[in-house]
N, C-alpha and C. Protein backbone atom coordinates (compact mmCIF):
# COMPACT_ATOMS: atom_id res chain seq x y z
N UNK A 1 -3.30 -9.14 22.74
CA UNK A 1 -2.13 -8.65 21.99
C UNK A 1 -2.56 -7.86 20.93
N UNK A 2 -1.82 -6.63 20.82
CA UNK A 2 -2.03 -5.66 19.68
C UNK A 2 -1.72 -6.10 18.34
N UNK A 3 -2.67 -5.97 17.40
CA UNK A 3 -2.25 -6.40 15.99
C UNK A 3 -2.05 -5.03 15.24
N UNK A 4 -1.07 -5.06 14.38
CA UNK A 4 -0.80 -3.98 13.61
C UNK A 4 -1.97 -3.74 12.56
N UNK A 5 -2.41 -2.57 12.51
CA UNK A 5 -3.54 -2.17 11.58
C UNK A 5 -3.04 -1.83 10.26
N UNK A 6 -3.51 -2.33 9.19
CA UNK A 6 -2.86 -2.29 7.84
C UNK A 6 -3.97 -2.00 6.88
N UNK A 7 -3.62 -1.04 6.03
CA UNK A 7 -4.50 -0.72 4.75
C UNK A 7 -3.77 -1.36 3.50
N UNK A 8 -4.33 -2.04 2.77
CA UNK A 8 -3.70 -2.47 1.56
C UNK A 8 -4.54 -1.92 0.38
N UNK A 9 -3.74 -1.44 -0.59
CA UNK A 9 -4.26 -0.90 -1.83
C UNK A 9 -3.53 -1.62 -3.08
N UNK A 10 -4.32 -2.32 -3.79
CA UNK A 10 -3.81 -3.00 -5.05
C UNK A 10 -4.92 -3.15 -5.97
N UNK A 11 -4.82 -2.70 -7.33
CA UNK A 11 -5.94 -3.00 -8.30
C UNK A 11 -6.06 -4.35 -8.83
N UNK A 12 -5.15 -5.20 -8.51
CA UNK A 12 -5.29 -6.64 -9.01
C UNK A 12 -5.98 -7.39 -7.86
N UNK A 13 -7.24 -7.71 -8.13
CA UNK A 13 -8.03 -8.36 -7.08
C UNK A 13 -7.59 -9.56 -6.46
N UNK A 14 -7.05 -10.54 -7.25
CA UNK A 14 -6.39 -11.78 -6.75
C UNK A 14 -5.18 -11.37 -5.77
N UNK A 15 -4.33 -10.39 -6.22
CA UNK A 15 -3.16 -10.03 -5.32
C UNK A 15 -3.63 -9.40 -4.14
N UNK A 16 -4.63 -8.60 -4.16
CA UNK A 16 -5.16 -8.00 -3.06
C UNK A 16 -5.67 -8.89 -2.02
N UNK A 17 -6.42 -9.84 -2.50
CA UNK A 17 -6.92 -10.93 -1.59
C UNK A 17 -5.81 -11.70 -0.96
N UNK A 18 -4.83 -12.10 -1.75
CA UNK A 18 -3.71 -12.85 -1.24
C UNK A 18 -2.90 -12.06 -0.25
N UNK A 19 -2.57 -10.89 -0.42
CA UNK A 19 -1.86 -10.10 0.62
C UNK A 19 -2.70 -9.97 1.88
N UNK A 20 -3.94 -9.50 1.71
CA UNK A 20 -4.80 -9.47 2.89
C UNK A 20 -4.88 -10.70 3.71
N UNK A 21 -4.82 -11.84 2.97
CA UNK A 21 -4.93 -13.16 3.55
C UNK A 21 -3.47 -13.47 4.32
N UNK A 22 -2.53 -13.02 3.80
CA UNK A 22 -1.14 -13.27 4.34
C UNK A 22 -1.10 -12.48 5.66
N UNK A 23 -1.44 -11.16 5.51
CA UNK A 23 -1.37 -10.22 6.63
C UNK A 23 -2.18 -10.65 7.78
N UNK A 24 -3.48 -10.88 7.45
CA UNK A 24 -4.51 -11.36 8.33
C UNK A 24 -4.10 -12.63 9.26
N UNK A 25 -3.51 -13.52 8.56
CA UNK A 25 -3.19 -14.82 9.05
C UNK A 25 -2.13 -14.66 10.16
N UNK A 26 -1.44 -13.62 10.20
CA UNK A 26 -0.32 -13.42 11.11
C UNK A 26 -0.39 -12.54 12.15
N UNK A 27 0.19 -11.37 12.04
CA UNK A 27 0.22 -10.38 13.08
C UNK A 27 -0.54 -9.14 12.80
N UNK A 28 -1.34 -9.08 11.81
CA UNK A 28 -2.02 -7.84 11.42
C UNK A 28 -3.46 -7.92 11.31
N UNK A 29 -4.12 -6.73 11.57
CA UNK A 29 -5.54 -6.54 11.14
C UNK A 29 -5.59 -5.67 9.96
N UNK A 30 -6.18 -6.26 8.98
CA UNK A 30 -6.49 -5.38 7.65
C UNK A 30 -7.73 -4.66 7.89
N UNK A 31 -7.64 -3.40 8.05
CA UNK A 31 -8.63 -2.51 8.18
C UNK A 31 -9.46 -2.13 7.09
N UNK A 32 -8.92 -2.20 5.88
CA UNK A 32 -9.61 -2.06 4.65
C UNK A 32 -8.64 -2.53 3.58
N UNK A 33 -9.20 -2.78 2.30
CA UNK A 33 -8.65 -3.20 1.14
C UNK A 33 -9.36 -2.50 0.13
N UNK A 34 -8.52 -1.74 -0.66
CA UNK A 34 -9.02 -0.93 -1.74
C UNK A 34 -8.24 -1.10 -3.04
N UNK A 35 -8.90 -0.59 -4.11
CA UNK A 35 -8.36 -0.89 -5.55
C UNK A 35 -7.81 0.23 -6.36
N UNK A 36 -7.75 1.38 -5.77
CA UNK A 36 -7.19 2.58 -6.39
C UNK A 36 -6.61 3.52 -5.46
N UNK A 37 -5.87 4.41 -5.98
CA UNK A 37 -4.97 5.39 -5.08
C UNK A 37 -5.83 6.41 -4.28
N UNK A 38 -6.89 6.84 -4.98
CA UNK A 38 -7.67 7.77 -4.33
C UNK A 38 -8.46 7.17 -3.18
N UNK A 39 -8.91 5.90 -3.41
CA UNK A 39 -9.52 5.27 -2.22
C UNK A 39 -8.61 4.91 -1.28
N UNK A 40 -7.35 4.60 -1.48
CA UNK A 40 -6.37 4.39 -0.47
C UNK A 40 -6.04 5.59 0.31
N UNK A 41 -5.98 6.88 -0.28
CA UNK A 41 -5.81 8.05 0.38
C UNK A 41 -6.96 8.38 1.30
N UNK A 42 -8.16 8.23 0.77
CA UNK A 42 -9.38 8.51 1.63
C UNK A 42 -9.43 7.61 2.79
N UNK A 43 -9.23 6.28 2.66
CA UNK A 43 -9.27 5.36 3.68
C UNK A 43 -8.19 5.50 4.67
N UNK A 44 -7.03 5.87 4.15
CA UNK A 44 -5.92 6.09 5.17
C UNK A 44 -6.15 7.24 5.99
N UNK A 45 -6.70 8.34 5.48
CA UNK A 45 -6.94 9.66 6.19
C UNK A 45 -8.09 9.25 7.24
N UNK A 46 -9.06 8.53 6.80
CA UNK A 46 -10.17 8.27 7.68
C UNK A 46 -9.85 7.26 8.86
N UNK A 47 -9.32 6.15 8.54
CA UNK A 47 -8.90 5.05 9.38
C UNK A 47 -7.62 5.14 10.25
N UNK A 48 -6.77 5.96 9.65
CA UNK A 48 -5.35 6.05 10.40
C UNK A 48 -4.83 4.77 10.70
N UNK A 49 -4.52 3.97 9.75
CA UNK A 49 -3.92 2.52 9.94
C UNK A 49 -2.38 2.84 10.44
N UNK A 50 -1.84 1.79 11.05
CA UNK A 50 -0.44 1.79 11.43
C UNK A 50 0.53 1.83 10.13
N UNK A 51 0.10 0.94 9.19
CA UNK A 51 0.87 0.96 7.93
C UNK A 51 -0.12 0.90 6.69
N UNK A 52 0.35 1.52 5.69
CA UNK A 52 -0.26 1.58 4.39
C UNK A 52 0.56 0.81 3.35
N UNK A 53 0.07 -0.27 2.77
CA UNK A 53 0.63 -1.02 1.76
C UNK A 53 0.07 -0.61 0.44
N UNK A 54 1.05 0.01 -0.39
CA UNK A 54 0.55 0.53 -1.69
C UNK A 54 1.19 -0.18 -2.82
N UNK A 55 0.28 -0.54 -3.89
CA UNK A 55 0.79 -0.82 -5.17
C UNK A 55 1.14 0.56 -5.81
N UNK A 56 1.88 0.58 -6.96
CA UNK A 56 2.22 1.74 -7.58
C UNK A 56 1.27 2.09 -8.71
N UNK A 57 1.07 1.01 -9.64
CA UNK A 57 0.34 1.12 -10.80
C UNK A 57 -1.11 0.80 -10.47
N UNK A 58 -1.89 1.89 -10.20
CA UNK A 58 -3.32 1.86 -9.94
C UNK A 58 -4.25 2.93 -10.57
N UNK A 59 -5.45 2.62 -10.80
CA UNK A 59 -6.28 3.74 -11.47
C UNK A 59 -6.62 4.84 -10.63
N UNK A 60 -7.19 5.92 -11.13
CA UNK A 60 -7.54 7.20 -10.49
C UNK A 60 -6.40 8.04 -9.98
N UNK A 61 -5.49 7.29 -9.12
CA UNK A 61 -4.31 7.94 -8.72
C UNK A 61 -3.35 6.92 -8.30
N UNK A 62 -2.14 7.04 -8.91
CA UNK A 62 -1.21 6.03 -8.59
C UNK A 62 -0.58 5.95 -7.13
N UNK A 63 0.08 4.95 -6.82
CA UNK A 63 0.51 4.72 -5.40
C UNK A 63 1.51 5.75 -5.06
N UNK A 64 2.37 6.28 -5.85
CA UNK A 64 3.35 7.51 -5.45
C UNK A 64 2.64 8.74 -5.26
N UNK A 65 1.54 9.01 -6.10
CA UNK A 65 0.88 10.12 -5.91
C UNK A 65 0.12 10.07 -4.49
N UNK A 66 -0.57 8.99 -4.40
CA UNK A 66 -1.39 8.73 -3.08
C UNK A 66 -0.34 8.87 -1.91
N UNK A 67 0.78 8.36 -1.95
CA UNK A 67 1.77 8.38 -0.91
C UNK A 67 2.22 9.87 -0.54
N UNK A 68 2.33 10.61 -1.58
CA UNK A 68 2.72 12.03 -1.52
C UNK A 68 1.71 12.80 -0.73
N UNK A 69 0.45 12.75 -1.22
CA UNK A 69 -0.61 13.31 -0.67
C UNK A 69 -0.88 12.82 0.88
N UNK A 70 -0.79 11.54 1.09
CA UNK A 70 -0.99 11.18 2.39
C UNK A 70 0.11 11.74 3.31
N UNK A 71 1.39 11.72 2.87
CA UNK A 71 2.40 12.41 3.72
C UNK A 71 2.23 13.73 4.04
N UNK A 72 1.72 14.43 3.02
CA UNK A 72 1.27 15.91 3.36
C UNK A 72 0.39 16.13 4.39
N UNK A 73 -0.70 15.26 4.34
CA UNK A 73 -1.84 15.26 5.32
C UNK A 73 -1.33 14.73 6.68
N UNK A 74 -0.53 13.58 6.61
CA UNK A 74 -0.10 12.87 7.94
C UNK A 74 1.42 12.55 7.77
N UNK A 75 2.25 13.36 8.11
CA UNK A 75 3.70 13.05 7.94
C UNK A 75 4.20 12.01 8.74
N UNK A 76 3.36 11.37 9.72
CA UNK A 76 3.73 10.20 10.41
C UNK A 76 3.36 8.93 9.79
N UNK A 77 2.65 9.04 8.61
CA UNK A 77 2.15 7.96 8.10
C UNK A 77 3.32 6.93 7.52
N UNK A 78 3.13 5.65 7.74
CA UNK A 78 4.12 4.59 7.60
C UNK A 78 3.56 3.91 6.26
N UNK A 79 4.36 3.88 5.17
CA UNK A 79 3.94 3.48 3.92
C UNK A 79 5.18 2.46 3.31
N UNK A 80 4.49 1.36 2.77
CA UNK A 80 5.38 0.56 2.23
C UNK A 80 4.90 0.05 0.76
N UNK A 81 5.66 0.20 -0.21
CA UNK A 81 5.18 -0.19 -1.62
C UNK A 81 5.35 -1.64 -1.92
N UNK A 82 4.42 -2.17 -2.54
CA UNK A 82 4.42 -3.65 -2.85
C UNK A 82 4.08 -3.51 -4.40
N UNK A 83 5.11 -3.77 -5.31
CA UNK A 83 4.80 -3.53 -6.78
C UNK A 83 5.58 -4.52 -7.65
N UNK A 84 5.29 -4.58 -8.89
CA UNK A 84 5.97 -5.46 -9.77
C UNK A 84 7.05 -4.53 -10.56
N UNK A 85 6.97 -3.16 -10.31
CA UNK A 85 7.90 -2.20 -11.02
C UNK A 85 9.34 -2.29 -10.47
N UNK A 86 10.22 -2.96 -11.40
CA UNK A 86 11.60 -3.02 -11.02
C UNK A 86 12.40 -1.89 -11.51
N UNK A 87 11.90 -0.92 -11.95
CA UNK A 87 12.61 0.28 -12.54
C UNK A 87 13.23 1.03 -11.38
N UNK A 88 14.60 1.14 -11.40
CA UNK A 88 15.23 2.01 -10.21
C UNK A 88 14.72 3.45 -10.10
N UNK A 89 14.27 4.00 -11.20
CA UNK A 89 13.90 5.51 -11.00
C UNK A 89 12.48 5.38 -10.24
N UNK A 90 11.70 4.56 -10.49
CA UNK A 90 10.40 4.37 -9.92
C UNK A 90 10.51 4.11 -8.35
N UNK A 91 11.64 3.13 -8.27
CA UNK A 91 11.91 2.80 -6.75
C UNK A 91 12.36 4.07 -5.90
N UNK A 92 13.23 4.74 -6.56
CA UNK A 92 13.79 6.11 -6.01
C UNK A 92 12.56 6.98 -5.75
N UNK A 93 11.79 7.24 -6.79
CA UNK A 93 10.55 8.07 -6.58
C UNK A 93 9.70 7.82 -5.39
N UNK A 94 9.50 6.46 -5.31
CA UNK A 94 8.71 5.92 -4.26
C UNK A 94 9.21 6.12 -2.90
N UNK A 95 10.56 5.92 -2.74
CA UNK A 95 11.15 6.08 -1.47
C UNK A 95 11.33 7.48 -1.14
N UNK A 96 11.43 8.45 -2.22
CA UNK A 96 11.40 9.86 -1.91
C UNK A 96 10.16 10.44 -1.13
N UNK A 97 9.15 9.55 -1.17
CA UNK A 97 7.86 9.90 -0.61
C UNK A 97 7.96 9.77 0.95
N UNK A 98 8.96 9.20 1.37
CA UNK A 98 9.21 8.93 2.74
C UNK A 98 8.73 7.47 3.15
N UNK A 99 8.57 6.76 2.16
CA UNK A 99 8.07 5.24 2.50
C UNK A 99 9.26 4.52 3.14
N UNK A 100 8.70 3.51 3.83
CA UNK A 100 9.79 2.73 4.57
C UNK A 100 10.44 1.54 3.98
N UNK A 101 9.62 1.31 2.76
CA UNK A 101 10.13 0.09 2.04
C UNK A 101 9.56 -0.08 0.56
N UNK A 102 10.26 -0.84 -0.27
CA UNK A 102 9.84 -1.07 -1.53
C UNK A 102 9.98 -2.49 -1.90
N UNK A 103 8.89 -3.32 -1.75
CA UNK A 103 9.00 -4.71 -2.05
C UNK A 103 8.37 -5.08 -3.35
N UNK A 104 9.21 -6.00 -4.07
CA UNK A 104 8.79 -6.43 -5.28
C UNK A 104 7.87 -7.74 -5.25
N UNK A 105 6.80 -7.81 -5.98
CA UNK A 105 5.96 -8.83 -5.98
C UNK A 105 5.92 -9.59 -7.32
N UNK A 106 5.60 -10.72 -7.49
CA UNK A 106 5.66 -11.46 -8.83
C UNK A 106 4.54 -10.86 -9.70
N UNK A 107 4.69 -10.99 -11.10
CA UNK A 107 3.78 -10.61 -11.92
C UNK A 107 2.53 -11.47 -11.99
N UNK A 108 2.55 -12.72 -11.61
CA UNK A 108 1.54 -13.65 -11.49
C UNK A 108 0.73 -13.38 -10.13
N UNK A 109 -0.41 -13.73 -10.12
CA UNK A 109 -1.22 -13.75 -8.92
C UNK A 109 -1.29 -15.22 -8.31
N UNK A 110 -0.88 -15.39 -7.11
CA UNK A 110 -0.98 -16.72 -6.28
C UNK A 110 -2.48 -17.32 -6.46
N UNK A 111 -2.64 -18.55 -6.52
CA UNK A 111 -3.94 -19.13 -6.57
C UNK A 111 -4.29 -19.72 -5.46
C-alpha cells in the first residue's frame, strides 16, 4: 500500500512531534520534520514529498514565504498550512500561495 509522503514544518517542537506522530500512525510517511521555513523549502525541493504541512510563524523564513518560493520552484507542490493564526488576512495570504488548505491548531501543545 502506498503511503502519502509528507514533510512537516513547525517551530514548536512538541507540536512537530505530535503532528508527525499523528500522520505516521495512519496513512502517511513523514519524510522529514523541520523547524524553520528555509529548512522546509530546502527539504521540499530535495525530497519532493506529496504534501508539505507548514506552520506560518517560523524563524528564518515564515511559512507563507516558504510556500511562495516552493510554488515558484515546483508549481505542483501540495501545501497545507497548520497554524494558530486565526487572522482572515493571514488565511487569505496563505491560500493565495496556492495552498490546498488552512487548518487551525490549538495554542497548546498536546502532551
